[in-house]
Amino acid sequence: MKKVALITGGTRGIGLGIAKKLAEEGIDLALNGIRPESQVVEVLEELRKSGVRVEYFPGNIAEKADRDSILSGVKEKFGTLNYLINNAGVAPRVRADVLDVSEEDYDHLMDINLRGTFFLTQAIAGFLVDQKMGMPDYVFAIVTVTSVSAKLASTNRAAYCMAKAGLSMMSQVLAVKLAEFDIPVYEIQPGVIETDMTEKVKAVYHKRIENGLTLEARMGQPEDIGKAVSALLRGDLPYATGQILALDGGMMVGRL
């Protein structure tokens, strides 16, 4: 039986980088995004060239009806699910100082990045457990993509940092809970990755990297994250549930 991975935010940026690498591994893909399918047809077709099945499930994970639709769609189209890759998220609509963040902007970001991700994961974790009880030798896993912002404070991205920190603890709690079912849970903390989310501030980051922000003198690429997720799902890092992989080019290495 072929393995199936659900990737939220899977048609662009880091999510697409992950999708490409999992497709190379022969894993069928259930991709979620907020754009209508007509706008992602080329992406889906390109992924299908790897010989895997690719289905698209549009929806905003902040909305319960959409979360229910995504899960029911996966069950209907694939009948099974092995891996959940939590990747969907948004940047702050306004990079306001922490003392000036509006409740509206705070709620918008938290509803998607933290609350929506948590409740989608809760529902899917239950589905994975149900499958594991009937197929104890079958492989399942959850990977949540957070950010170095889970640990590094930005005064003009307070809600974003808080959401990522919350997801980091979510991953830890789930690792504890799902251990009894032999379902590993992992977290990946990317650093500065070259995507459409960082496009507007790319020049700023290039300058900071030139001045030593990272030990590896480049921005990360979505495929860097994809390779790490592939390694985790292949089982190349066994005995590691609950662990955090920081793919940040050395940004968080302490220096004197």
Protein backbone atom coordinates (compact mmCIF):
# COMPACT_ATOMS: atom_id res chain seq x y z
CA MET A 1 0.00 0.00 0.00
CA LYS A 2 1.41 3.40 -1.00
CA LYS A 3 1.96 5.94 1.73
CA VAL A 4 0.03 9.24 1.76
CA ALA A 5 1.09 12.61 3.18
CA LEU A 6 -1.13 15.62 3.81
CA ILE A 7 0.79 18.89 3.51
CA THR A 8 -0.97 22.08 4.54
CA GLY A 9 0.12 25.06 2.50
CA GLY A 10 1.59 22.52 0.14
CA THR A 11 1.47 24.32 -3.22
CA ARG A 12 3.97 27.13 -2.64
CA GLY A 13 7.05 28.03 -0.64
CA ILE A 14 8.29 25.59 1.98
CA GLY A 15 5.24 23.38 1.55
CA LEU A 16 5.95 22.91 -2.14
CA GLY A 17 9.60 22.21 -1.40
CA ILE A 18 8.45 19.43 0.91
CA ALA A 19 5.94 18.13 -1.64
CA LYS A 20 8.62 17.84 -4.32
CA LYS A 21 10.91 15.80 -2.11
CA LEU A 22 8.14 13.50 -0.88
CA ALA A 23 7.02 12.95 -4.46
CA GLU A 24 10.57 11.82 -5.26
CA GLU A 25 10.19 9.32 -2.41
CA GLY A 26 7.07 7.88 -4.07
CA ILE A 27 4.69 9.20 -1.43
CA ASP A 28 1.21 10.15 -2.66
CA LEU A 29 0.28 13.74 -1.87
CA ALA A 30 -2.80 15.35 -0.40
CA LEU A 31 -2.14 19.07 -0.70
CA ASN A 32 -4.05 21.84 1.02
CA GLY A 33 -4.07 25.55 0.24
CA ILE A 34 -6.43 28.51 0.20
CA ARG A 35 -6.27 29.15 -3.55
CA PRO A 36 -8.89 27.60 -5.86
CA GLU A 37 -7.67 24.51 -7.67
CA SER A 38 -7.74 26.33 -11.01
CA GLN A 39 -4.82 28.45 -9.77
CA VAL A 40 -2.61 25.51 -8.77
CA VAL A 41 -3.20 23.13 -11.69
CA GLU A 42 0.33 23.60 -13.08
CA VAL A 43 1.88 22.84 -9.69
CA LEU A 44 -0.21 19.69 -9.31
CA GLU A 45 0.64 18.48 -12.80
CA GLU A 46 4.36 19.07 -12.26
CA LEU A 47 4.29 16.98 -9.08
CA ARG A 48 2.40 14.19 -10.83
CA LYS A 49 5.32 13.80 -13.24
CA SER A 50 7.10 12.02 -10.37
CA GLY A 51 4.58 9.20 -10.79
CA VAL A 52 2.67 9.82 -7.57
CA ARG A 53 -0.99 10.56 -7.03
CA VAL A 54 -1.65 14.21 -6.18
CA GLU A 55 -4.99 15.53 -4.94
CA TYR A 56 -5.85 19.06 -3.88
CA PHE A 57 -8.06 19.98 -0.94
CA PRO A 58 -8.72 23.75 -0.78
CA GLY A 59 -9.64 25.29 2.52
CA ASN A 60 -8.70 27.71 5.26
CA ILE A 61 -7.55 25.70 8.28
CA ALA A 62 -8.78 28.53 10.54
CA GLU A 63 -12.34 27.43 9.71
CA LYS A 64 -13.77 24.26 11.27
CA ALA A 65 -15.93 23.51 8.24
CA ASP A 66 -12.86 23.66 6.01
CA ARG A 67 -10.83 21.47 8.36
CA ASP A 68 -13.62 18.89 8.37
CA SER A 69 -13.79 19.07 4.57
CA ILE A 70 -10.05 18.53 4.20
CA LEU A 71 -10.04 15.44 6.41
CA SER A 72 -13.19 13.94 4.90
CA GLY A 73 -11.79 14.61 1.42
CA VAL A 74 -8.57 12.79 2.22
CA LYS A 75 -10.50 9.83 3.60
CA GLU A 76 -12.73 9.74 0.53
CA LYS A 77 -9.96 10.08 -2.07
CA PHE A 78 -7.22 8.01 -0.43
CA GLY A 79 -8.90 5.97 2.29
CA THR A 80 -5.81 6.32 4.44
CA LEU A 81 -3.25 8.83 5.66
CA ASN A 82 0.24 8.16 6.99
CA TYR A 83 1.78 11.56 7.48
CA LEU A 84 0.61 15.02 8.44
CA ILE A 85 2.94 17.89 7.57
CA ASN A 86 1.79 21.08 9.29
CA ASN A 87 3.17 23.90 7.20
CA ALA A 88 0.36 26.37 6.48
CA GLY A 89 0.75 29.80 8.00
CA VAL A 90 0.66 33.51 7.32
CA ALA A 91 2.95 36.41 8.07
CA PRO A 92 1.67 39.39 10.07
CA ARG A 93 -0.56 41.61 7.95
CA VAL A 94 1.12 44.60 9.61
CA ARG A 95 4.59 44.48 11.11
CA ALA A 96 3.50 46.56 14.08
CA ASP A 97 5.53 47.10 17.23
CA VAL A 98 4.56 44.77 20.06
CA LEU A 99 3.01 47.72 21.90
CA ASP A 100 0.82 48.57 18.90
CA VAL A 101 -0.48 45.19 17.69
CA SER A 102 -4.23 45.33 17.04
CA GLU A 103 -6.59 42.63 18.26
CA GLU A 104 -7.85 42.15 14.71
CA ASP A 105 -4.40 41.42 13.30
CA TYR A 106 -3.50 39.26 16.31
CA ASP A 107 -6.65 37.14 15.93
CA HIS A 108 -6.19 36.77 12.17
CA LEU A 109 -2.70 35.36 12.56
CA MET A 110 -3.40 33.20 15.59
CA ASP A 111 -6.57 31.71 14.07
CA ILE A 112 -4.57 30.33 11.15
CA ASN A 113 -1.09 29.72 12.50
CA LEU A 114 -1.93 28.31 15.93
CA ARG A 115 -5.61 27.56 16.57
CA GLY A 116 -6.35 26.18 13.10
CA THR A 117 -3.20 24.07 13.03
CA PHE A 118 -3.90 22.68 16.50
CA PHE A 119 -7.46 21.60 15.80
CA LEU A 120 -6.61 20.14 12.39
CA THR A 121 -3.78 18.19 14.01
CA GLN A 122 -6.08 17.05 16.80
CA ALA A 123 -8.57 15.63 14.30
CA ILE A 124 -5.94 13.98 12.13
CA ALA A 125 -4.06 12.55 15.11
CA GLY A 126 -7.26 10.78 16.08
CA PHE A 127 -7.51 9.33 12.57
CA LEU A 128 -3.89 8.17 12.69
CA VAL A 129 -4.45 6.48 16.05
CA ASP A 130 -7.55 4.70 14.76
CA GLN A 131 -5.56 3.39 11.79
CA LYS A 132 -2.63 2.36 13.97
CA MET A 133 -4.91 0.30 16.19
CA GLY A 134 -6.02 -1.70 13.15
CA MET A 135 -2.63 -1.76 11.40
CA PRO A 136 0.03 -1.84 14.15
CA ASP A 137 2.88 -2.43 11.69
CA TYR A 138 1.92 0.51 9.48
CA VAL A 139 3.99 3.71 9.68
CA PHE A 140 2.57 7.08 10.73
CA ALA A 141 4.13 10.41 11.75
CA ILE A 142 3.42 14.10 12.30
CA VAL A 143 5.86 16.87 11.35
CA THR A 144 5.20 20.51 12.23
CA VAL A 145 7.14 23.28 10.52
CA THR A 146 7.59 26.16 12.94
CA SER A 147 10.40 28.72 12.78
CA VAL A 148 13.44 30.02 14.61
CA SER A 149 10.90 32.64 15.66
CA ALA A 150 9.68 30.08 18.20
CA LYS A 151 12.83 31.01 20.12
CA LEU A 152 14.06 34.31 18.68
CA ALA A 153 11.97 37.36 19.59
CA SER A 154 11.04 39.99 16.99
CA THR A 155 9.39 43.07 18.46
CA ASN A 156 7.53 43.79 15.20
CA ARG A 157 6.25 40.20 14.78
CA ALA A 158 5.06 39.39 18.30
CA ALA A 159 1.99 37.33 17.36
CA TYR A 160 3.98 35.36 14.77
CA CYS A 161 6.66 34.48 17.34
CA MET A 162 4.03 33.56 19.93
CA ALA A 163 2.18 31.32 17.46
CA LYS A 164 5.35 29.48 16.50
CA ALA A 165 6.27 29.01 20.16
CA GLY A 166 2.79 27.61 20.75
CA LEU A 167 3.18 25.16 17.87
CA SER A 168 6.51 24.07 19.30
CA MET A 169 4.83 23.11 22.57
CA MET A 170 1.99 21.48 20.63
CA SER A 171 4.54 19.22 19.00
CA GLN A 172 6.02 18.30 22.38
CA VAL A 173 2.62 17.52 23.91
CA LEU A 174 1.64 15.37 20.93
CA ALA A 175 4.95 13.52 21.05
CA VAL A 176 4.15 12.55 24.64
CA LYS A 177 0.56 11.56 23.88
CA LEU A 178 1.20 9.61 20.68
CA ALA A 179 4.23 7.73 22.00
CA GLU A 180 1.93 5.04 23.40
CA PHE A 181 0.74 4.40 19.85
CA ASP A 182 4.25 4.39 18.36
CA ILE A 183 3.49 7.48 16.24
CA PRO A 184 6.52 9.81 16.20
CA VAL A 185 6.09 13.58 16.22
CA TYR A 186 8.76 16.01 15.02
CA GLU A 187 9.30 19.74 14.72
CA ILE A 188 11.38 21.58 12.14
CA GLN A 189 12.48 25.15 12.85
CA PRO A 190 13.54 26.82 9.59
CA GLY A 191 15.61 29.98 9.58
CA VAL A 192 15.42 32.53 6.79
CA ILE A 193 14.01 30.66 3.78
CA GLU A 194 13.70 32.18 0.32
CA THR A 195 9.95 32.10 -0.38
CA ASP A 196 7.19 34.50 -1.38
CA MET A 197 6.69 35.23 2.34
CA THR A 198 10.23 36.64 2.62
CA GLU A 199 10.33 38.22 -0.86
CA LYS A 200 9.59 41.76 0.35
CA VAL A 201 12.39 41.68 2.93
CA LYS A 202 14.87 39.59 0.97
CA ALA A 203 17.28 42.48 0.44
CA VAL A 204 17.32 43.17 4.17
CA TYR A 205 18.07 39.53 4.97
CA HIS A 206 20.79 39.32 2.32
CA LYS A 207 22.50 42.28 3.94
CA ARG A 208 22.18 40.77 7.41
CA ILE A 209 23.54 37.45 6.16
CA GLU A 210 26.52 39.27 4.64
CA ASN A 211 27.08 40.75 8.09
CA GLY A 212 27.09 37.34 9.79
CA LEU A 213 23.47 36.57 10.70
CA THR A 214 24.04 32.94 9.68
CA LEU A 215 27.14 30.74 9.64
CA GLU A 216 26.25 29.47 6.17
CA ALA A 217 26.25 32.60 4.02
CA ARG A 218 22.98 32.11 2.15
CA MET A 219 19.22 32.04 2.60
CA GLY A 220 17.74 28.60 2.99
CA GLN A 221 15.73 27.03 0.18
CA PRO A 222 12.37 25.23 0.43
CA GLU A 223 14.05 22.05 -0.79
CA ASP A 224 16.36 22.16 2.25
CA ILE A 225 13.31 21.67 4.44
CA GLY A 226 11.94 19.06 2.05
CA LYS A 227 15.08 16.95 2.38
CA ALA A 228 14.80 17.01 6.17
CA VAL A 229 11.14 15.96 6.11
CA SER A 230 11.98 13.15 3.69
CA ALA A 231 14.70 11.89 6.00
CA LEU A 232 12.34 11.88 8.97
CA LEU A 233 9.61 10.01 7.11
CA ARG A 234 12.09 7.47 5.72
CA GLY A 235 13.13 6.70 9.26
CA ASP A 236 16.68 7.98 8.76
CA LEU A 237 16.53 9.60 12.20
CA PRO A 238 15.15 6.82 14.42
CA TYR A 239 14.72 7.04 18.18
CA ALA A 240 14.03 10.76 17.87
CA THR A 241 10.35 11.46 18.53
CA GLY A 242 9.77 14.86 20.07
CA GLN A 243 12.98 16.27 18.67
CA ILE A 244 13.48 19.67 17.03
CA LEU A 245 15.53 20.08 13.86
CA ALA A 246 16.78 23.64 13.45
CA LEU A 247 17.53 24.25 9.77
CA ASP A 248 18.78 27.79 10.10
CA GLY A 249 22.24 27.91 8.58
CA GLY A 250 23.71 28.19 12.07
CA MET A 251 21.71 31.29 13.02
CA MET A 252 21.02 30.10 16.57
CA VAL A 253 24.55 29.02 17.36
CA GLY A 254 25.73 31.08 20.33
CA ARG A 255 28.74 33.25 19.57
CA LEU A 256 30.99 35.52 21.60
